[in-house]
Amino acid sequence: MPARLRVIFHINATSTTIKSLSASYMGVRYGATEKTARLFMLKIREVMA
């Protein structure tokens, strides 16, 4: 899956869920390390706030 498409899916999953998602789940689902998923989720949450 191309990186840009992963970013779009990651943003969609983060913004549309009622409960929070774990970084390990997002990492496995979108093929990234847990550290990368955690950093990306933090950036998404900062922008959405």
Protein backbone atom coordinates (compact mmCIF):
# COMPACT_ATOMS: atom_id res chain seq x y z
CA MET A 1 0.00 0.00 0.00
CA PRO A 2 1.44 3.41 -0.92
CA ALA A 3 2.49 5.64 1.97
CA ARG A 4 0.05 8.44 1.11
CA LEU A 5 -2.85 6.01 1.11
CA ARG A 6 -1.75 4.70 4.52
CA VAL A 7 -1.76 8.26 5.84
CA ILE A 8 -5.31 8.82 4.64
CA PHE A 9 -6.53 5.56 6.20
CA HIS A 10 -4.69 6.36 9.43
CA ILE A 11 -6.29 9.81 9.68
CA ASN A 12 -9.70 8.36 8.90
CA ALA A 13 -9.38 5.64 11.54
CA THR A 14 -8.14 8.10 14.16
CA SER A 15 -10.84 10.69 13.50
CA THR A 16 -13.87 8.41 13.14
CA THR A 17 -13.51 6.08 16.11
CA ILE A 18 -15.42 6.72 19.31
CA LYS A 19 -12.85 5.03 21.52
CA SER A 20 -9.16 5.67 21.17
CA LEU A 21 -6.99 3.27 19.20
CA SER A 22 -3.70 1.86 20.40
CA ALA A 23 -0.49 2.60 18.56
CA SER A 24 0.36 -1.08 18.38
CA TYR A 25 -2.97 -1.82 16.65
CA MET A 26 -2.47 0.99 14.16
CA GLY A 27 1.09 -0.10 13.50
CA VAL A 28 0.07 -3.66 12.70
CA ARG A 29 -2.93 -2.59 10.65
CA TYR A 30 -1.04 -0.11 8.47
CA GLY A 31 2.42 -1.66 8.40
CA ALA A 32 4.38 0.75 10.59
CA THR A 33 6.31 0.38 13.82
CA GLU A 34 4.59 1.16 17.10
CA LYS A 35 6.82 4.19 17.62
CA THR A 36 5.96 5.62 14.20
CA ALA A 37 2.24 5.01 14.74
CA ARG A 38 2.38 6.69 18.16
CA LEU A 39 4.12 9.76 16.75
CA PHE A 40 1.73 9.99 13.82
CA MET A 41 -1.32 9.64 16.09
CA LEU A 42 0.04 12.41 18.32
CA LYS A 43 0.44 14.72 15.32
CA ILE A 44 -3.08 13.95 14.09
CA ARG A 45 -4.56 14.64 17.53
CA GLU A 46 -2.69 17.95 17.79
CA VAL A 47 -4.04 19.10 14.44
CA MET A 48 -7.59 18.03 15.31
CA ALA A 49 -7.59 19.84 18.67
